[in-house]
Amino acid sequence: MEQLVKVSRGGQVTLPAALRQAANIEIGDYLEVTLVGERLVLSPKQVIDKSQAYFWSAAWQDSEREADEDIHRGQVKQFETLDELFNDLDQED
């Protein structure tokens, strides 16, 4: 899908509604602009708050996947009290 757009003052470009909808781009979204040869390529990007960046690290995501697999396999325990939890942890030593 191609459409002609005009660069306005300040280098601004308005993305036509049909293109925004096709690319699922909404008001306030961030786009990365990459120069490929003589073409500009726009790619939607998510900006992650610095305080949440750890959650999206590869190591954290690997741990999340491992935890999800444990839950799926039923490799979890439930405890009524903290004492029960601590007693169970002490028995694993």
N, C-alpha and C. Protein backbone atom coordinates (compact mmCIF):
# COMPACT_ATOMS: atom_id res chain seq x y z
N MET A 1 0.85 -1.17 0.00
CA MET A 1 0.00 0.00 0.00
C MET A 1 0.90 1.24 0.00
N GLU A 2 0.67 2.12 -0.90
CA GLU A 2 1.46 3.36 -0.99
C GLU A 2 0.54 4.55 -1.07
N GLN A 3 0.95 5.65 -0.46
CA GLN A 3 0.23 6.92 -0.58
C GLN A 3 1.24 8.04 -0.57
N LEU A 4 0.93 9.09 -1.28
CA LEU A 4 1.79 10.27 -1.36
C LEU A 4 1.47 11.20 -0.19
N VAL A 5 2.52 11.64 0.52
CA VAL A 5 2.34 12.61 1.60
C VAL A 5 3.30 13.76 1.37
N LYS A 6 3.02 14.89 2.00
CA LYS A 6 3.83 16.09 1.83
C LYS A 6 4.51 16.42 3.15
N VAL A 7 5.79 16.78 3.07
CA VAL A 7 6.53 17.20 4.26
C VAL A 7 6.17 18.66 4.52
N SER A 8 5.70 18.94 5.74
CA SER A 8 5.31 20.30 6.09
C SER A 8 6.40 20.97 6.91
N ARG A 9 6.10 22.18 7.36
CA ARG A 9 7.05 22.96 8.14
C ARG A 9 7.54 22.13 9.34
N GLY A 10 8.79 22.23 9.60
CA GLY A 10 9.36 21.48 10.72
C GLY A 10 9.63 20.03 10.39
N GLY A 11 9.47 19.64 9.12
CA GLY A 11 9.75 18.27 8.71
C GLY A 11 8.66 17.29 9.08
N GLN A 12 7.47 17.79 9.39
CA GLN A 12 6.38 16.91 9.80
C GLN A 12 5.69 16.28 8.61
N VAL A 13 5.26 15.03 8.81
CA VAL A 13 4.52 14.28 7.80
C VAL A 13 3.28 13.72 8.48
N THR A 14 2.14 13.84 7.82
CA THR A 14 0.91 13.24 8.33
C THR A 14 0.73 11.88 7.68
N LEU A 15 0.61 10.84 8.51
CA LEU A 15 0.40 9.50 7.98
C LEU A 15 -1.08 9.33 7.64
N PRO A 16 -1.40 8.96 6.42
CA PRO A 16 -2.80 8.77 6.04
C PRO A 16 -3.48 7.72 6.92
N ALA A 17 -4.76 7.95 7.20
CA ALA A 17 -5.53 7.07 8.09
C ALA A 17 -5.47 5.62 7.65
N ALA A 18 -5.58 5.36 6.36
CA ALA A 18 -5.58 3.98 5.87
C ALA A 18 -4.27 3.27 6.21
N LEU A 19 -3.15 3.99 6.09
CA LEU A 19 -1.85 3.40 6.43
C LEU A 19 -1.72 3.19 7.93
N ARG A 20 -2.17 4.18 8.72
CA ARG A 20 -2.12 4.04 10.18
C ARG A 20 -2.93 2.84 10.63
N GLN A 21 -4.12 2.69 10.07
CA GLN A 21 -4.98 1.57 10.46
C GLN A 21 -4.37 0.24 10.04
N ALA A 22 -3.83 0.18 8.83
CA ALA A 22 -3.23 -1.07 8.34
C ALA A 22 -2.03 -1.48 9.19
N ALA A 23 -1.28 -0.49 9.70
CA ALA A 23 -0.09 -0.76 10.52
C ALA A 23 -0.41 -0.76 12.01
N ASN A 24 -1.69 -0.57 12.35
CA ASN A 24 -2.13 -0.53 13.75
C ASN A 24 -1.38 0.54 14.55
N ILE A 25 -1.23 1.72 13.95
CA ILE A 25 -0.56 2.84 14.59
C ILE A 25 -1.62 3.79 15.13
N GLU A 26 -1.49 4.13 16.41
CA GLU A 26 -2.47 5.00 17.06
C GLU A 26 -1.81 6.30 17.52
N ILE A 27 -2.62 7.30 17.80
CA ILE A 27 -2.12 8.58 18.29
C ILE A 27 -1.28 8.33 19.54
N GLY A 28 -0.10 8.94 19.58
CA GLY A 28 0.80 8.79 20.73
C GLY A 28 1.80 7.67 20.58
N ASP A 29 1.65 6.81 19.58
CA ASP A 29 2.61 5.73 19.36
C ASP A 29 3.95 6.31 18.93
N TYR A 30 5.01 5.57 19.20
CA TYR A 30 6.35 5.95 18.76
C TYR A 30 6.72 5.15 17.53
N LEU A 31 7.43 5.82 16.60
CA LEU A 31 7.90 5.16 15.39
C LEU A 31 9.41 5.36 15.29
N GLU A 32 10.12 4.30 14.96
CA GLU A 32 11.54 4.40 14.67
C GLU A 32 11.67 4.69 13.18
N VAL A 33 12.51 5.66 12.83
CA VAL A 33 12.73 6.01 11.43
C VAL A 33 14.13 5.54 11.05
N THR A 34 14.20 4.70 10.03
CA THR A 34 15.47 4.15 9.58
C THR A 34 15.69 4.52 8.12
N LEU A 35 16.89 4.97 7.79
CA LEU A 35 17.23 5.28 6.41
C LEU A 35 17.83 4.02 5.78
N VAL A 36 17.16 3.51 4.75
CA VAL A 36 17.62 2.33 4.03
C VAL A 36 17.82 2.76 2.58
N GLY A 37 19.08 2.94 2.20
CA GLY A 37 19.34 3.50 0.87
C GLY A 37 18.79 4.92 0.83
N GLU A 38 17.85 5.16 -0.07
CA GLU A 38 17.20 6.47 -0.15
C GLU A 38 15.78 6.43 0.41
N ARG A 39 15.43 5.35 1.08
CA ARG A 39 14.07 5.19 1.63
C ARG A 39 14.07 5.39 3.14
N LEU A 40 12.98 5.96 3.62
CA LEU A 40 12.75 6.05 5.06
C LEU A 40 11.79 4.94 5.44
N VAL A 41 12.16 4.14 6.41
CA VAL A 41 11.32 3.04 6.87
C VAL A 41 10.84 3.38 8.28
N LEU A 42 9.53 3.36 8.49
CA LEU A 42 8.94 3.64 9.80
C LEU A 42 8.55 2.32 10.45
N SER A 43 8.98 2.12 11.68
CA SER A 43 8.66 0.89 12.41
C SER A 43 8.09 1.25 13.78
N PRO A 44 6.89 0.74 14.11
CA PRO A 44 6.32 1.01 15.44
C PRO A 44 7.24 0.46 16.53
N LYS A 45 7.40 1.23 17.60
CA LYS A 45 8.24 0.82 18.73
C LYS A 45 7.50 1.10 20.03
N GLN A 46 7.80 0.30 21.04
CA GLN A 46 7.28 0.54 22.37
C GLN A 46 8.39 1.13 23.21
N VAL A 47 8.08 2.17 23.93
CA VAL A 47 9.04 2.79 24.83
C VAL A 47 8.74 2.26 26.23
N ILE A 48 9.77 1.72 26.86
CA ILE A 48 9.61 1.11 28.18
C ILE A 48 10.18 2.06 29.24
N ASP A 49 9.39 2.33 30.26
CA ASP A 49 9.83 3.16 31.37
C ASP A 49 11.08 2.54 32.00
N LYS A 50 12.07 3.38 32.33
CA LYS A 50 13.32 2.86 32.90
C LYS A 50 13.08 2.01 34.14
N SER A 51 12.08 2.38 34.93
CA SER A 51 11.83 1.62 36.16
C SER A 51 11.30 0.22 35.87
N GLN A 52 10.85 -0.03 34.65
CA GLN A 52 10.33 -1.34 34.27
C GLN A 52 11.26 -2.09 33.32
N ALA A 53 12.39 -1.50 32.97
CA ALA A 53 13.28 -2.09 31.97
C ALA A 53 13.80 -3.47 32.38
N TYR A 54 14.03 -3.68 33.68
CA TYR A 54 14.54 -4.98 34.15
C TYR A 54 13.62 -6.12 33.72
N PHE A 55 12.29 -5.85 33.75
CA PHE A 55 11.32 -6.89 33.44
C PHE A 55 11.47 -7.38 32.01
N TRP A 56 11.91 -6.52 31.12
CA TRP A 56 12.01 -6.87 29.70
C TRP A 56 13.41 -7.34 29.32
N SER A 57 14.31 -7.47 30.30
CA SER A 57 15.65 -7.99 29.99
C SER A 57 15.54 -9.46 29.60
N ALA A 58 16.49 -9.93 28.82
CA ALA A 58 16.48 -11.33 28.36
C ALA A 58 16.51 -12.29 29.55
N ALA A 59 17.33 -11.99 30.55
CA ALA A 59 17.44 -12.89 31.72
C ALA A 59 16.11 -12.98 32.47
N TRP A 60 15.45 -11.84 32.67
CA TRP A 60 14.18 -11.85 33.39
C TRP A 60 13.12 -12.60 32.60
N GLN A 61 13.08 -12.37 31.29
CA GLN A 61 12.08 -13.05 30.46
C GLN A 61 12.32 -14.56 30.44
N ASP A 62 13.59 -14.99 30.45
CA ASP A 62 13.90 -16.42 30.55
C ASP A 62 13.35 -17.00 31.85
N SER A 63 13.54 -16.25 32.94
CA SER A 63 13.03 -16.71 34.24
C SER A 63 11.51 -16.77 34.25
N GLU A 64 10.86 -15.80 33.61
CA GLU A 64 9.39 -15.80 33.52
C GLU A 64 8.90 -17.03 32.75
N ARG A 65 9.57 -17.35 31.64
CA ARG A 65 9.20 -18.53 30.84
C ARG A 65 9.36 -19.80 31.67
N GLU A 66 10.47 -19.89 32.39
CA GLU A 66 10.72 -21.06 33.23
C GLU A 66 9.64 -21.20 34.31
N ALA A 67 9.26 -20.09 34.92
CA ALA A 67 8.21 -20.13 35.94
C ALA A 67 6.87 -20.55 35.33
N ASP A 68 6.56 -20.03 34.15
CA ASP A 68 5.31 -20.41 33.47
C ASP A 68 5.29 -21.91 33.17
N GLU A 69 6.45 -22.45 32.74
CA GLU A 69 6.53 -23.88 32.45
C GLU A 69 6.33 -24.70 33.72
N ASP A 70 6.93 -24.26 34.83
CA ASP A 70 6.74 -24.96 36.11
C ASP A 70 5.27 -24.97 36.51
N ILE A 71 4.61 -23.85 36.36
CA ILE A 71 3.18 -23.77 36.70
C ILE A 71 2.38 -24.70 35.81
N HIS A 72 2.68 -24.70 34.52
CA HIS A 72 1.97 -25.56 33.57
C HIS A 72 2.15 -27.04 33.90
N ARG A 73 3.36 -27.42 34.37
CA ARG A 73 3.64 -28.82 34.73
C ARG A 73 3.16 -29.17 36.13
N GLY A 74 2.63 -28.19 36.84
CA GLY A 74 2.15 -28.45 38.19
C GLY A 74 3.25 -28.51 39.23
N GLN A 75 4.40 -27.98 38.90
CA GLN A 75 5.54 -28.01 39.83
C GLN A 75 5.50 -26.78 40.74
N VAL A 76 4.41 -26.64 41.46
CA VAL A 76 4.23 -25.53 42.40
C VAL A 76 3.63 -26.06 43.69
N LYS A 77 3.78 -25.31 44.74
CA LYS A 77 3.20 -25.67 46.04
C LYS A 77 2.44 -24.46 46.57
N GLN A 78 1.42 -24.75 47.36
CA GLN A 78 0.67 -23.69 48.02
C GLN A 78 0.76 -23.88 49.52
N PHE A 79 0.81 -22.77 50.24
CA PHE A 79 0.94 -22.81 51.69
C PHE A 79 -0.11 -21.91 52.32
N GLU A 80 -0.60 -22.34 53.46
CA GLU A 80 -1.60 -21.55 54.19
C GLU A 80 -0.94 -20.45 55.02
N THR A 81 0.27 -20.72 55.49
CA THR A 81 0.96 -19.75 56.34
C THR A 81 2.42 -19.61 55.91
N LEU A 82 3.05 -18.55 56.36
CA LEU A 82 4.48 -18.38 56.09
C LEU A 82 5.30 -19.46 56.79
N ASP A 83 4.86 -19.86 57.97
CA ASP A 83 5.58 -20.92 58.69
C ASP A 83 5.63 -22.20 57.86
N GLU A 84 4.51 -22.56 57.22
CA GLU A 84 4.50 -23.75 56.36
C GLU A 84 5.49 -23.60 55.21
N LEU A 85 5.54 -22.42 54.63
CA LEU A 85 6.48 -22.16 53.53
C LEU A 85 7.92 -22.31 54.02
N PHE A 86 8.25 -21.67 55.15
CA PHE A 86 9.61 -21.73 55.66
C PHE A 86 10.00 -23.15 56.06
N ASN A 87 9.07 -23.90 56.65
CA ASN A 87 9.35 -25.30 57.01
C ASN A 87 9.65 -26.12 55.76
N ASP A 88 8.90 -25.89 54.69
CA ASP A 88 9.14 -26.61 53.44
C ASP A 88 10.50 -26.25 52.86
N LEU A 89 10.85 -24.98 52.91
CA LEU A 89 12.16 -24.55 52.41
C LEU A 89 13.29 -25.16 53.24
N ASP A 90 13.11 -25.22 54.55
CA ASP A 90 14.13 -25.81 55.42
C ASP A 90 14.34 -27.29 55.12
N GLN A 91 13.28 -28.00 54.73
CA GLN A 91 13.37 -29.43 54.43
C GLN A 91 14.13 -29.70 53.14
N GLU A 92 14.21 -28.71 52.25
CA GLU A 92 14.89 -28.90 50.96
C GLU A 92 16.40 -28.81 51.10
N ASP A 93 16.91 -28.31 52.23
CA ASP A 93 18.37 -28.17 52.41
C ASP A 93 19.06 -29.47 52.56
